[in-house]
Amino acid sequence: MNINHLFPAPTKFIAAAAMAFTFVSCDQSDISPDANLSAQNVAEAHQKGVNKGSAIERTFMANLQPLNNSGVSGTANITVDANVLTVEIMASGLEPNLPHPQHIHGFMENNRNATCPTPADDTNGDGFVDLVEGLPSYGPVLLELYLPIDEFPEADAEGNIHYTRTFNLGEIEFEEEGQVIDYKDLKPLQNRAIVLHGLTVNGTYVPTMPVACGQIMPTNNGKGMAKGKK
């Protein structure tokens, strides 16, 4: 099943929503704001922040909890080493033998915290918190967690997904995919969320429907090479 016919290209399907957010280049955890900095000093401070944020391995995780009564749950583990980001997702309860889009979501404006939506976010009262209704909670897509090339993972016959991929941030790995987001625009990861999609609604498979969400949390403080649990 070709997900591209069901689910718009990840970088386009929420382009309109993403336009509403402004990119913030520097991680607030890396650089303390100083109103007296000159433009040159700001640039130098930014570069130091980028170097500091990517000079050591960092690990993160997310507990994926069900949305829309999907019964989907799982865990995600993320490792960042310089510009190399590895994501592992293990989830169950998904629709068997169907592709399930998955993304890192977040806000670039002020790096405000991405959260998971609740039933109260069902603004149209249809019983489901759809993609658009969830945007105010988790924000637009920052990184599409797909397989090379441009295919999202498909659940097995038991509804399980075990997904692993390493991204070279800021580079083009395949021409069809385009450039992957820079780490400076993806961090701070602890302000982001992972969302899985794909649910049958009234007999029709809706690949955009959120089925699980988890806020990303650090599992080390960046002062060593400790690995997160797999």
N, C-alpha and C. Protein backbone atom coordinates (compact mmCIF):
# COMPACT_ATOMS: atom_id res chain seq x y z
N MET A 1 0.84 -1.19 0.00
CA MET A 1 0.00 0.00 0.00
C MET A 1 0.88 1.24 0.00
N ASN A 2 0.68 2.10 -1.00
CA ASN A 2 1.51 3.30 -1.12
C ASN A 2 0.91 4.42 -0.29
N ILE A 3 1.60 4.79 0.80
CA ILE A 3 1.09 5.82 1.70
C ILE A 3 0.99 7.17 1.04
N ASN A 4 1.78 7.39 -0.04
CA ASN A 4 1.76 8.69 -0.68
C ASN A 4 0.40 9.01 -1.30
N HIS A 5 -0.38 7.96 -1.61
CA HIS A 5 -1.71 8.20 -2.18
C HIS A 5 -2.73 8.51 -1.09
N LEU A 6 -2.42 8.14 0.13
CA LEU A 6 -3.34 8.35 1.25
C LEU A 6 -2.95 9.53 2.11
N PHE A 7 -1.68 9.76 2.21
CA PHE A 7 -1.16 10.73 3.18
C PHE A 7 -0.27 11.69 2.45
N PRO A 8 -0.57 12.97 2.44
CA PRO A 8 0.25 13.93 1.70
C PRO A 8 1.70 13.88 2.15
N ALA A 9 2.59 14.36 1.26
CA ALA A 9 4.01 14.40 1.61
C ALA A 9 4.19 15.06 2.95
N PRO A 10 4.96 14.44 3.88
CA PRO A 10 5.04 14.93 5.26
C PRO A 10 5.40 16.38 5.36
N THR A 11 6.25 16.88 4.45
CA THR A 11 6.65 18.27 4.55
C THR A 11 5.60 19.22 4.00
N LYS A 12 4.54 18.69 3.39
CA LYS A 12 3.52 19.53 2.78
C LYS A 12 2.19 19.47 3.49
N PHE A 13 1.86 18.34 4.15
CA PHE A 13 0.49 18.14 4.60
C PHE A 13 0.08 19.10 5.69
N ILE A 14 1.04 19.71 6.39
CA ILE A 14 0.67 20.74 7.36
C ILE A 14 1.43 22.02 7.07
N ALA A 15 1.77 22.22 5.80
CA ALA A 15 2.55 23.40 5.45
C ALA A 15 1.84 24.68 5.85
N ALA A 16 0.52 24.70 5.66
CA ALA A 16 -0.22 25.91 6.03
C ALA A 16 -0.12 26.19 7.51
N ALA A 17 -0.22 25.13 8.31
CA ALA A 17 -0.11 25.33 9.76
C ALA A 17 1.30 25.73 10.15
N ALA A 18 2.28 25.14 9.47
CA ALA A 18 3.67 25.45 9.83
C ALA A 18 4.02 26.89 9.53
N MET A 19 3.34 27.49 8.56
CA MET A 19 3.61 28.88 8.20
C MET A 19 3.33 29.81 9.35
N ALA A 20 2.52 29.35 10.29
CA ALA A 20 2.12 30.22 11.40
C ALA A 20 3.16 30.32 12.47
N PHE A 21 4.22 29.52 12.35
CA PHE A 21 5.23 29.48 13.40
C PHE A 21 6.54 30.03 12.89
N THR A 22 7.27 30.77 13.76
CA THR A 22 8.53 31.39 13.41
C THR A 22 9.68 30.56 13.90
N PHE A 23 10.71 30.36 13.07
CA PHE A 23 11.85 29.55 13.47
C PHE A 23 12.72 30.32 14.45
N VAL A 24 13.14 29.63 15.52
CA VAL A 24 14.07 30.18 16.50
C VAL A 24 15.35 29.36 16.40
N SER A 25 16.46 30.01 16.13
CA SER A 25 17.67 29.30 15.77
C SER A 25 18.42 28.71 16.95
N CYS A 26 18.42 29.37 18.10
CA CYS A 26 19.29 28.95 19.19
C CYS A 26 18.51 28.32 20.31
N ASP A 27 19.03 27.23 20.85
CA ASP A 27 18.43 26.55 21.99
C ASP A 27 18.62 27.40 23.23
N GLN A 28 17.52 27.70 23.92
CA GLN A 28 17.60 28.55 25.10
C GLN A 28 18.43 27.91 26.20
N SER A 29 18.55 26.57 26.18
CA SER A 29 19.35 25.90 27.20
C SER A 29 20.84 26.05 26.92
N ASP A 30 21.19 26.48 25.70
CA ASP A 30 22.59 26.61 25.33
C ASP A 30 23.11 28.02 25.55
N ILE A 31 22.26 29.02 25.33
CA ILE A 31 22.71 30.40 25.35
C ILE A 31 21.79 31.23 26.22
N SER A 32 22.35 31.95 27.18
CA SER A 32 21.56 32.85 28.00
C SER A 32 21.35 34.15 27.25
N PRO A 33 20.10 34.67 27.16
CA PRO A 33 19.84 35.89 26.41
C PRO A 33 20.53 37.08 27.04
N ASP A 34 21.01 38.01 26.22
CA ASP A 34 21.66 39.22 26.69
C ASP A 34 21.30 40.34 25.73
N ALA A 35 20.51 41.28 26.21
CA ALA A 35 20.01 42.35 25.35
C ALA A 35 21.13 43.24 24.85
N ASN A 36 22.31 43.22 25.49
CA ASN A 36 23.41 44.10 25.12
C ASN A 36 24.34 43.49 24.07
N LEU A 37 24.07 42.24 23.65
CA LEU A 37 24.93 41.61 22.66
C LEU A 37 24.82 42.32 21.33
N SER A 38 25.96 42.54 20.67
CA SER A 38 25.95 43.09 19.32
C SER A 38 25.56 41.99 18.36
N ALA A 39 25.30 42.37 17.10
CA ALA A 39 24.93 41.36 16.10
C ALA A 39 26.04 40.35 15.93
N GLN A 40 27.31 40.82 15.94
CA GLN A 40 28.42 39.90 15.80
C GLN A 40 28.51 38.96 16.99
N ASN A 41 28.30 39.50 18.20
CA ASN A 41 28.35 38.66 19.38
C ASN A 41 27.23 37.63 19.39
N VAL A 42 26.06 38.04 18.90
CA VAL A 42 24.93 37.11 18.82
C VAL A 42 25.30 35.94 17.91
N ALA A 43 25.91 36.27 16.76
CA ALA A 43 26.29 35.21 15.83
C ALA A 43 27.32 34.28 16.45
N GLU A 44 28.30 34.86 17.16
CA GLU A 44 29.32 34.04 17.80
C GLU A 44 28.71 33.18 18.91
N ALA A 45 27.81 33.78 19.68
CA ALA A 45 27.17 33.03 20.75
C ALA A 45 26.33 31.90 20.20
N HIS A 46 25.65 32.19 19.07
CA HIS A 46 24.84 31.14 18.44
C HIS A 46 25.71 29.97 18.02
N GLN A 47 26.87 30.26 17.37
CA GLN A 47 27.72 29.19 16.91
C GLN A 47 28.26 28.38 18.07
N LYS A 48 28.60 29.05 19.18
CA LYS A 48 29.05 28.33 20.36
C LYS A 48 27.95 27.43 20.89
N GLY A 49 26.71 27.93 20.84
CA GLY A 49 25.59 27.13 21.30
C GLY A 49 25.38 25.91 20.45
N VAL A 50 25.51 26.08 19.12
CA VAL A 50 25.37 24.93 18.21
C VAL A 50 26.45 23.91 18.50
N ASN A 51 27.70 24.40 18.66
CA ASN A 51 28.80 23.47 18.94
C ASN A 51 28.60 22.76 20.26
N LYS A 52 28.18 23.53 21.27
CA LYS A 52 27.97 22.93 22.58
C LYS A 52 26.88 21.87 22.53
N GLY A 53 25.79 22.16 21.80
CA GLY A 53 24.66 21.24 21.76
C GLY A 53 24.94 19.98 20.99
N SER A 54 25.96 20.00 20.10
CA SER A 54 26.20 18.84 19.26
C SER A 54 27.54 18.17 19.54
N ALA A 55 28.24 18.61 20.60
CA ALA A 55 29.58 18.10 20.84
C ALA A 55 29.59 16.81 21.65
N ILE A 56 28.45 16.40 22.18
CA ILE A 56 28.44 15.23 23.04
C ILE A 56 27.15 14.46 22.82
N GLU A 57 27.22 13.16 23.00
CA GLU A 57 26.04 12.33 22.78
C GLU A 57 24.97 12.61 23.83
N ARG A 58 23.74 12.71 23.37
CA ARG A 58 22.61 12.93 24.26
C ARG A 58 21.55 11.88 23.95
N THR A 59 20.84 11.44 24.97
CA THR A 59 19.81 10.43 24.79
C THR A 59 18.49 10.92 25.34
N PHE A 60 17.41 10.51 24.67
CA PHE A 60 16.05 10.92 25.01
C PHE A 60 15.12 9.74 24.85
N MET A 61 13.94 9.84 25.44
CA MET A 61 12.93 8.80 25.26
C MET A 61 11.54 9.43 25.35
N ALA A 62 10.55 8.67 24.86
CA ALA A 62 9.15 9.09 24.96
C ALA A 62 8.28 7.87 25.21
N ASN A 63 7.37 7.98 26.16
CA ASN A 63 6.37 6.95 26.38
C ASN A 63 5.15 7.28 25.53
N LEU A 64 4.85 6.42 24.58
CA LEU A 64 3.74 6.66 23.66
C LEU A 64 2.44 6.16 24.26
N GLN A 65 1.50 7.08 24.43
CA GLN A 65 0.20 6.76 25.02
C GLN A 65 -0.90 6.88 23.96
N PRO A 66 -1.97 6.09 24.08
CA PRO A 66 -3.00 6.07 23.04
C PRO A 66 -3.78 7.38 22.93
N LEU A 67 -4.14 7.72 21.70
CA LEU A 67 -5.05 8.82 21.40
C LEU A 67 -6.26 8.24 20.66
N ASN A 68 -7.39 8.89 20.80
CA ASN A 68 -8.61 8.50 20.09
C ASN A 68 -9.00 7.05 20.34
N ASN A 69 -8.77 6.59 21.59
CA ASN A 69 -9.15 5.23 21.99
C ASN A 69 -8.58 4.17 21.05
N SER A 70 -7.38 4.44 20.54
CA SER A 70 -6.77 3.54 19.55
C SER A 70 -6.21 2.27 20.18
N GLY A 71 -5.86 2.32 21.45
CA GLY A 71 -5.20 1.18 22.08
C GLY A 71 -3.73 1.06 21.73
N VAL A 72 -3.19 2.05 21.02
CA VAL A 72 -1.78 2.02 20.61
C VAL A 72 -0.90 2.52 21.76
N SER A 73 0.20 1.81 22.00
CA SER A 73 1.15 2.24 23.01
C SER A 73 2.55 1.81 22.57
N GLY A 74 3.55 2.38 23.22
CA GLY A 74 4.91 1.99 22.87
C GLY A 74 5.92 2.93 23.48
N THR A 75 7.15 2.82 23.01
CA THR A 75 8.24 3.67 23.48
C THR A 75 9.06 4.13 22.29
N ALA A 76 9.71 5.27 22.47
CA ALA A 76 10.63 5.80 21.46
C ALA A 76 11.93 6.16 22.16
N ASN A 77 13.04 5.82 21.54
CA ASN A 77 14.36 6.17 22.06
C ASN A 77 15.11 6.97 20.99
N ILE A 78 15.75 8.04 21.42
CA ILE A 78 16.46 8.93 20.50
C ILE A 78 17.88 9.14 21.02
N THR A 79 18.84 9.01 20.12
CA THR A 79 20.23 9.32 20.45
C THR A 79 20.74 10.36 19.47
N VAL A 80 21.39 11.40 19.99
CA VAL A 80 21.99 12.44 19.16
C VAL A 80 23.48 12.48 19.44
N ASP A 81 24.28 12.33 18.39
CA ASP A 81 25.73 12.40 18.50
C ASP A 81 26.21 13.30 17.38
N ALA A 82 26.62 14.54 17.74
CA ALA A 82 26.97 15.55 16.75
C ALA A 82 25.75 15.77 15.84
N ASN A 83 25.90 15.56 14.53
CA ASN A 83 24.77 15.78 13.62
C ASN A 83 24.06 14.48 13.25
N VAL A 84 24.32 13.41 14.01
CA VAL A 84 23.72 12.12 13.72
C VAL A 84 22.63 11.83 14.75
N LEU A 85 21.42 11.61 14.28
CA LEU A 85 20.28 11.35 15.15
C LEU A 85 19.71 9.98 14.81
N THR A 86 19.59 9.12 15.82
CA THR A 86 19.02 7.79 15.64
C THR A 86 17.73 7.68 16.43
N VAL A 87 16.67 7.23 15.77
CA VAL A 87 15.36 7.08 16.38
C VAL A 87 14.95 5.62 16.32
N GLU A 88 14.51 5.09 17.47
CA GLU A 88 13.95 3.74 17.52
C GLU A 88 12.56 3.83 18.14
N ILE A 89 11.57 3.28 17.45
CA ILE A 89 10.20 3.26 17.94
C ILE A 89 9.70 1.83 17.96
N MET A 90 9.18 1.41 19.11
CA MET A 90 8.52 0.11 19.24
C MET A 90 7.11 0.37 19.72
N ALA A 91 6.13 -0.01 18.91
CA ALA A 91 4.73 0.27 19.24
C ALA A 91 3.86 -0.93 18.89
N SER A 92 2.75 -1.06 19.61
CA SER A 92 1.80 -2.15 19.37
C SER A 92 0.39 -1.60 19.38
N GLY A 93 -0.56 -2.42 18.90
CA GLY A 93 -1.95 -2.01 18.86
C GLY A 93 -2.34 -1.22 17.63
N LEU A 94 -1.44 -1.20 16.65
CA LEU A 94 -1.70 -0.46 15.40
C LEU A 94 -2.53 -1.30 14.44
N GLU A 95 -3.03 -0.65 13.40
CA GLU A 95 -3.81 -1.35 12.37
C GLU A 95 -2.87 -2.28 11.61
N PRO A 96 -3.14 -3.59 11.62
CA PRO A 96 -2.23 -4.54 10.96
C PRO A 96 -2.09 -4.29 9.47
N ASN A 97 -0.85 -4.50 8.97
CA ASN A 97 -0.56 -4.49 7.54
C ASN A 97 -0.90 -3.16 6.86
N LEU A 98 -0.87 -2.08 7.62
CA LEU A 98 -1.12 -0.76 7.06
C LEU A 98 0.00 0.19 7.46
N PRO A 99 0.31 1.18 6.59
CA PRO A 99 1.37 2.14 6.90
C PRO A 99 0.90 3.14 7.95
N HIS A 100 1.82 3.51 8.84
CA HIS A 100 1.48 4.43 9.92
C HIS A 100 2.47 5.60 9.94
N PRO A 101 2.05 6.76 9.46
CA PRO A 101 2.91 7.94 9.53
C PRO A 101 3.29 8.26 10.97
N GLN A 102 4.51 8.77 11.15
CA GLN A 102 4.99 9.12 12.48
C GLN A 102 5.97 10.28 12.34
N HIS A 103 5.94 11.18 13.31
CA HIS A 103 6.73 12.40 13.20
C HIS A 103 7.19 12.89 14.57
N ILE A 104 8.25 13.71 14.55
CA ILE A 104 8.57 14.56 15.69
C ILE A 104 7.89 15.90 15.43
N HIS A 105 7.03 16.30 16.37
CA HIS A 105 6.31 17.57 16.27
C HIS A 105 6.88 18.57 17.26
N GLY A 106 6.65 19.85 16.98
CA GLY A 106 7.08 20.86 17.94
C GLY A 106 6.86 22.26 17.42
N PHE A 107 7.07 23.23 18.30
CA PHE A 107 6.90 24.64 17.98
C PHE A 107 8.26 25.31 17.86
N MET A 108 8.48 26.06 16.79
CA MET A 108 9.70 26.81 16.63
C MET A 108 9.60 28.17 17.32
N GLU A 109 8.39 28.68 17.46
CA GLU A 109 8.19 29.98 18.08
C GLU A 109 8.44 29.88 19.59
N ASN A 110 9.51 30.50 20.06
CA ASN A 110 9.88 30.51 21.48
C ASN A 110 10.17 29.12 22.03
N ASN A 111 10.29 28.12 21.14
CA ASN A 111 10.55 26.74 21.59
C ASN A 111 9.58 26.30 22.68
N ARG A 112 8.35 26.74 22.59
CA ARG A 112 7.41 26.37 23.65
C ARG A 112 7.13 24.87 23.62
N ASN A 113 6.72 24.36 24.76
CA ASN A 113 6.63 22.93 24.95
C ASN A 113 5.50 22.30 24.15
N ALA A 114 5.82 21.23 23.42
CA ALA A 114 4.80 20.45 22.73
C ALA A 114 4.19 19.45 23.71
N THR A 115 2.88 19.33 23.69
CA THR A 115 2.18 18.41 24.58
C THR A 115 1.27 17.50 23.76
N CYS A 116 0.70 16.50 24.41
CA CYS A 116 -0.22 15.59 23.74
C CYS A 116 -1.65 16.06 23.94
N PRO A 117 -2.48 16.01 22.90
CA PRO A 117 -3.86 16.48 23.02
C PRO A 117 -4.70 15.58 23.91
N THR A 118 -5.83 16.13 24.35
CA THR A 118 -6.78 15.40 25.18
C THR A 118 -8.14 15.41 24.48
N PRO A 119 -9.11 14.62 24.95
CA PRO A 119 -10.44 14.64 24.34
C PRO A 119 -11.07 16.03 24.30
N ALA A 120 -10.64 16.91 25.20
CA ALA A 120 -11.19 18.28 25.20
C ALA A 120 -10.81 19.05 23.95
N ASP A 121 -9.80 18.57 23.20
CA ASP A 121 -9.37 19.25 21.98
C ASP A 121 -10.22 18.87 20.77
N ASP A 122 -11.22 18.01 20.97
CA ASP A 122 -12.14 17.64 19.88
C ASP A 122 -13.14 18.78 19.67
N THR A 123 -12.71 19.80 18.96
CA THR A 123 -13.51 21.02 18.84
C THR A 123 -14.77 20.86 17.99
N ASN A 124 -14.78 19.91 17.05
CA ASN A 124 -15.98 19.73 16.23
C ASN A 124 -16.94 18.69 16.79
N GLY A 125 -16.55 18.06 17.92
CA GLY A 125 -17.45 17.17 18.62
C GLY A 125 -17.77 15.87 17.91
N ASP A 126 -16.85 15.41 17.01
CA ASP A 126 -17.14 14.17 16.29
C ASP A 126 -16.59 12.93 17.00
N GLY A 127 -16.01 13.13 18.19
CA GLY A 127 -15.50 12.00 18.95
C GLY A 127 -14.04 11.67 18.68
N PHE A 128 -13.38 12.44 17.82
CA PHE A 128 -11.98 12.21 17.49
C PHE A 128 -11.21 13.52 17.51
N VAL A 129 -10.00 13.46 18.04
CA VAL A 129 -9.08 14.60 17.93
C VAL A 129 -8.25 14.37 16.68
N ASP A 130 -8.61 15.05 15.59
CA ASP A 130 -7.92 14.79 14.33
C ASP A 130 -6.61 15.57 14.27
N LEU A 131 -5.92 15.45 13.14
CA LEU A 131 -4.61 16.06 12.98
C LEU A 131 -4.63 17.55 13.27
N VAL A 132 -5.55 18.26 12.65
CA VAL A 132 -5.61 19.72 12.81
C VAL A 132 -5.98 20.11 14.23
N GLU A 133 -6.91 19.37 14.84
CA GLU A 133 -7.31 19.69 16.22
C GLU A 133 -6.16 19.46 17.21
N GLY A 134 -5.23 18.59 16.85
CA GLY A 134 -4.10 18.33 17.73
C GLY A 134 -2.95 19.31 17.57
N LEU A 135 -2.93 20.07 16.47
CA LEU A 135 -1.82 20.98 16.20
C LEU A 135 -1.56 21.99 17.32
N PRO A 136 -2.57 22.59 17.94
CA PRO A 136 -2.28 23.54 19.01
C PRO A 136 -1.56 22.91 20.20
N SER A 137 -1.65 21.59 20.35
CA SER A 137 -0.97 20.90 21.44
C SER A 137 0.45 20.50 21.07
N TYR A 138 0.59 19.79 19.94
CA TYR A 138 1.91 19.25 19.60
C TYR A 138 2.64 20.02 18.53
N GLY A 139 2.00 20.93 17.82
CA GLY A 139 2.69 21.75 16.83
C GLY A 139 2.89 21.04 15.50
N PRO A 140 3.49 21.74 14.54
CA PRO A 140 3.71 21.17 13.21
C PRO A 140 4.81 20.13 13.19
N VAL A 141 4.91 19.44 12.07
CA VAL A 141 5.95 18.42 11.89
C VAL A 141 7.32 19.09 11.77
N LEU A 142 8.29 18.59 12.54
CA LEU A 142 9.67 19.03 12.41
C LEU A 142 10.52 17.99 11.68
N LEU A 143 10.26 16.71 11.96
CA LEU A 143 11.03 15.64 11.31
C LEU A 143 10.11 14.47 11.03
N GLU A 144 10.09 14.04 9.76
CA GLU A 144 9.28 12.90 9.36
C GLU A 144 10.06 11.62 9.62
N LEU A 145 9.48 10.71 10.38
CA LEU A 145 10.16 9.46 10.75
C LEU A 145 9.71 8.36 9.79
N TYR A 146 10.30 8.40 8.60
CA TYR A 146 9.91 7.45 7.56
C TYR A 146 11.10 6.57 7.19
N LEU A 147 10.82 5.62 6.32
CA LEU A 147 11.86 4.71 5.83
C LEU A 147 12.36 5.21 4.48
N PRO A 148 13.60 4.93 4.14
CA PRO A 148 14.06 5.29 2.79
C PRO A 148 13.31 4.43 1.78
N ILE A 149 12.72 4.95 0.74
CA ILE A 149 12.67 6.38 0.48
C ILE A 149 11.20 6.79 0.49
N ASP A 150 10.84 7.73 1.37
CA ASP A 150 9.50 8.31 1.43
C ASP A 150 8.40 7.30 1.71
N GLU A 151 8.67 6.30 2.52
CA GLU A 151 7.63 5.35 2.92
C GLU A 151 7.60 5.28 4.44
N PHE A 152 6.42 5.38 5.01
CA PHE A 152 6.29 5.23 6.45
C PHE A 152 6.23 3.73 6.80
N PRO A 153 6.60 3.38 8.02
CA PRO A 153 6.62 1.96 8.39
C PRO A 153 5.22 1.35 8.39
N GLU A 154 5.16 0.08 8.05
CA GLU A 154 3.90 -0.66 8.02
C GLU A 154 3.85 -1.62 9.20
N ALA A 155 2.73 -1.63 9.89
CA ALA A 155 2.58 -2.55 11.02
C ALA A 155 2.50 -3.99 10.50
N ASP A 156 3.00 -4.92 11.31
CA ASP A 156 2.96 -6.32 10.90
C ASP A 156 1.56 -6.88 11.14
N ALA A 157 1.40 -8.18 10.93
CA ALA A 157 0.08 -8.81 11.03
C ALA A 157 -0.50 -8.74 12.43
N GLU A 158 0.35 -8.53 13.43
CA GLU A 158 -0.12 -8.40 14.82
C GLU A 158 -0.29 -6.93 15.24
N GLY A 159 -0.06 -6.00 14.32
CA GLY A 159 -0.23 -4.59 14.65
C GLY A 159 0.97 -3.97 15.36
N ASN A 160 2.16 -4.57 15.17
CA ASN A 160 3.36 -4.06 15.82
C ASN A 160 4.27 -3.34 14.82
N ILE A 161 4.96 -2.34 15.32
CA ILE A 161 6.00 -1.66 14.53
C ILE A 161 7.28 -1.63 15.34
N HIS A 162 8.38 -2.01 14.72
CA HIS A 162 9.71 -1.81 15.29
C HIS A 162 10.50 -1.04 14.23
N TYR A 163 10.65 0.23 14.48
CA TYR A 163 11.25 1.16 13.51
C TYR A 163 12.57 1.68 14.04
N THR A 164 13.59 1.65 13.21
CA THR A 164 14.88 2.25 13.55
C THR A 164 15.44 2.95 12.32
N ARG A 165 15.88 4.18 12.52
CA ARG A 165 16.54 4.87 11.42
C ARG A 165 17.51 5.91 11.96
N THR A 166 18.63 6.06 11.26
CA THR A 166 19.62 7.08 11.60
C THR A 166 19.56 8.18 10.55
N PHE A 167 19.45 9.42 11.01
CA PHE A 167 19.39 10.58 10.14
C PHE A 167 20.68 11.38 10.26
N ASN A 168 21.22 11.82 9.13
CA ASN A 168 22.33 12.77 9.12
C ASN A 168 21.73 14.16 9.02
N LEU A 169 21.61 14.83 10.16
CA LEU A 169 20.89 16.09 10.22
C LEU A 169 21.57 17.15 9.36
N GLY A 170 20.73 17.90 8.64
CA GLY A 170 21.22 18.97 7.80
C GLY A 170 21.76 18.53 6.46
N GLU A 171 21.67 17.23 6.15
CA GLU A 171 22.21 16.72 4.89
C GLU A 171 21.10 16.13 4.02
N ILE A 172 21.43 15.92 2.77
CA ILE A 172 20.53 15.24 1.84
C ILE A 172 21.03 13.82 1.66
N GLU A 173 20.27 12.86 2.18
CA GLU A 173 20.67 11.46 2.06
C GLU A 173 20.15 10.85 0.76
N PHE A 174 18.95 11.25 0.36
CA PHE A 174 18.36 10.77 -0.89
C PHE A 174 17.71 11.97 -1.56
N GLU A 175 17.91 12.09 -2.85
CA GLU A 175 17.38 13.25 -3.58
C GLU A 175 15.87 13.36 -3.43
N GLU A 176 15.19 12.21 -3.39
CA GLU A 176 13.73 12.22 -3.29
C GLU A 176 13.25 12.79 -1.96
N GLU A 177 14.06 12.69 -0.92
CA GLU A 177 13.64 13.14 0.41
C GLU A 177 13.94 14.60 0.67
N GLY A 178 14.93 15.14 -0.02
CA GLY A 178 15.31 16.52 0.26
C GLY A 178 16.17 16.60 1.51
N GLN A 179 16.46 17.83 1.93
CA GLN A 179 17.35 18.04 3.06
C GLN A 179 16.66 17.79 4.39
N VAL A 180 17.34 17.06 5.27
CA VAL A 180 16.84 16.80 6.62
C VAL A 180 17.09 18.04 7.47
N ILE A 181 16.20 18.32 8.41
CA ILE A 181 16.31 19.49 9.27
C ILE A 181 17.64 19.51 10.02
N ASP A 182 18.19 20.70 10.24
CA ASP A 182 19.40 20.85 11.05
C ASP A 182 19.07 20.60 12.52
N TYR A 183 20.07 20.14 13.27
CA TYR A 183 19.85 19.91 14.70
C TYR A 183 19.50 21.20 15.42
N LYS A 184 20.09 22.31 15.01
CA LYS A 184 19.81 23.58 15.68
C LYS A 184 18.34 23.97 15.56
N ASP A 185 17.66 23.48 14.52
CA ASP A 185 16.24 23.77 14.35
C ASP A 185 15.36 22.69 14.96
N LEU A 186 15.94 21.53 15.28
CA LEU A 186 15.18 20.44 15.87
C LEU A 186 15.18 20.51 17.39
N LYS A 187 16.26 21.01 17.97
CA LYS A 187 16.37 21.08 19.43
C LYS A 187 15.66 22.32 19.97
N PRO A 188 15.36 22.38 21.28
CA PRO A 188 15.62 21.36 22.29
C PRO A 188 14.62 20.21 22.20
N LEU A 189 15.12 18.99 22.09
CA LEU A 189 14.25 17.84 21.90
C LEU A 189 13.29 17.63 23.06
N GLN A 190 13.68 18.07 24.26
CA GLN A 190 12.78 17.89 25.41
C GLN A 190 11.54 18.78 25.31
N ASN A 191 11.49 19.66 24.30
CA ASN A 191 10.30 20.47 24.07
C ASN A 191 9.46 19.93 22.91
N ARG A 192 9.80 18.74 22.43
CA ARG A 192 9.11 18.16 21.27
C ARG A 192 8.27 16.94 21.69
N ALA A 193 7.48 16.47 20.75
CA ALA A 193 6.65 15.28 20.98
C ALA A 193 6.69 14.39 19.75
N ILE A 194 6.51 13.09 19.97
CA ILE A 194 6.38 12.13 18.86
C ILE A 194 4.93 11.72 18.74
N VAL A 195 4.41 11.75 17.52
CA VAL A 195 3.02 11.39 17.26
C VAL A 195 2.97 10.32 16.17
N LEU A 196 2.20 9.26 16.43
CA LEU A 196 1.93 8.21 15.45
C LEU A 196 0.51 8.41 14.93
N HIS A 197 0.30 8.07 13.66
CA HIS A 197 -0.99 8.29 13.00
C HIS A 197 -1.48 7.02 12.32
N GLY A 198 -2.77 7.01 12.00
CA GLY A 198 -3.36 5.93 11.20
C GLY A 198 -4.42 5.14 11.95
N LEU A 199 -5.70 5.39 11.62
CA LEU A 199 -6.82 4.74 12.32
C LEU A 199 -8.01 4.60 11.38
N THR A 200 -8.71 3.48 11.48
CA THR A 200 -9.93 3.30 10.72
C THR A 200 -11.09 3.98 11.42
N VAL A 201 -11.77 4.87 10.70
CA VAL A 201 -12.89 5.63 11.25
C VAL A 201 -14.10 5.41 10.35
N ASN A 202 -15.16 4.84 10.93
CA ASN A 202 -16.39 4.57 10.18
C ASN A 202 -16.10 3.77 8.91
N GLY A 203 -15.23 2.77 9.05
CA GLY A 203 -14.95 1.86 7.94
C GLY A 203 -13.90 2.35 6.97
N THR A 204 -13.35 3.54 7.17
CA THR A 204 -12.35 4.09 6.25
C THR A 204 -11.05 4.34 6.99
N TYR A 205 -9.95 3.88 6.41
CA TYR A 205 -8.65 4.10 7.04
C TYR A 205 -8.22 5.55 6.83
N VAL A 206 -7.97 6.24 7.93
CA VAL A 206 -7.57 7.66 7.89
C VAL A 206 -6.12 7.74 8.34
N PRO A 207 -5.16 7.84 7.41
CA PRO A 207 -3.75 7.79 7.78
C PRO A 207 -3.28 9.00 8.57
N THR A 208 -4.04 10.10 8.55
CA THR A 208 -3.63 11.29 9.30
C THR A 208 -4.11 11.29 10.75
N MET A 209 -5.01 10.39 11.11
CA MET A 209 -5.61 10.42 12.44
C MET A 209 -4.57 10.05 13.52
N PRO A 210 -4.35 10.90 14.51
CA PRO A 210 -3.38 10.57 15.57
C PRO A 210 -3.85 9.37 16.39
N VAL A 211 -2.92 8.44 16.65
CA VAL A 211 -3.27 7.26 17.44
C VAL A 211 -2.41 7.10 18.69
N ALA A 212 -1.28 7.80 18.77
CA ALA A 212 -0.43 7.73 19.96
C ALA A 212 0.46 8.96 20.00
N CYS A 213 0.81 9.36 21.21
CA CYS A 213 1.63 10.55 21.39
C CYS A 213 2.48 10.39 22.65
N GLY A 214 3.67 10.94 22.61
CA GLY A 214 4.53 10.95 23.79
C GLY A 214 5.45 12.16 23.78
N GLN A 215 5.54 12.84 24.91
CA GLN A 215 6.47 13.96 25.03
C GLN A 215 7.89 13.42 25.20
N ILE A 216 8.84 14.03 24.52
CA ILE A 216 10.23 13.59 24.57
C ILE A 216 10.88 14.11 25.84
N MET A 217 11.61 13.20 26.53
CA MET A 217 12.27 13.54 27.78
C MET A 217 13.73 13.12 27.72
N PRO A 218 14.64 13.91 28.29
CA PRO A 218 16.05 13.51 28.31
C PRO A 218 16.28 12.36 29.26
N THR A 219 17.19 11.46 28.88
CA THR A 219 17.56 10.36 29.77
C THR A 219 19.00 10.48 30.24
N ASN A 220 19.70 11.52 29.76
CA ASN A 220 21.00 11.87 30.34
C ASN A 220 21.15 13.37 30.28
N ASN A 221 22.14 13.93 30.93
CA ASN A 221 22.30 15.37 31.00
C ASN A 221 23.36 15.91 30.06
N GLY A 222 23.79 15.06 29.12
CA GLY A 222 24.77 15.51 28.17
C GLY A 222 26.18 15.53 28.70
N LYS A 223 26.44 14.97 29.88
CA LYS A 223 27.77 14.99 30.47
C LYS A 223 28.41 13.61 30.46
N GLY A 224 28.22 12.90 29.39
CA GLY A 224 28.81 11.58 29.31
C GLY A 224 28.29 10.83 28.12
N MET A 225 28.57 9.56 28.06
CA MET A 225 28.19 8.77 26.92
C MET A 225 27.16 7.71 27.30
N ALA A 226 26.38 7.98 28.32
CA ALA A 226 25.40 7.01 28.77
C ALA A 226 24.35 6.77 27.70
N LYS A 227 23.95 5.55 27.54
CA LYS A 227 22.95 5.18 26.55
C LYS A 227 21.58 5.08 27.20
N GLY A 228 20.54 5.46 26.44
CA GLY A 228 19.20 5.25 26.93
C GLY A 228 18.83 3.79 26.83
N LYS A 229 17.82 3.39 27.58
CA LYS A 229 17.37 1.99 27.52
C LYS A 229 16.76 1.69 26.19
N LYS A 230 17.06 0.52 25.72
CA LYS A 230 16.49 0.09 24.44
C LYS A 230 15.27 -0.76 24.67
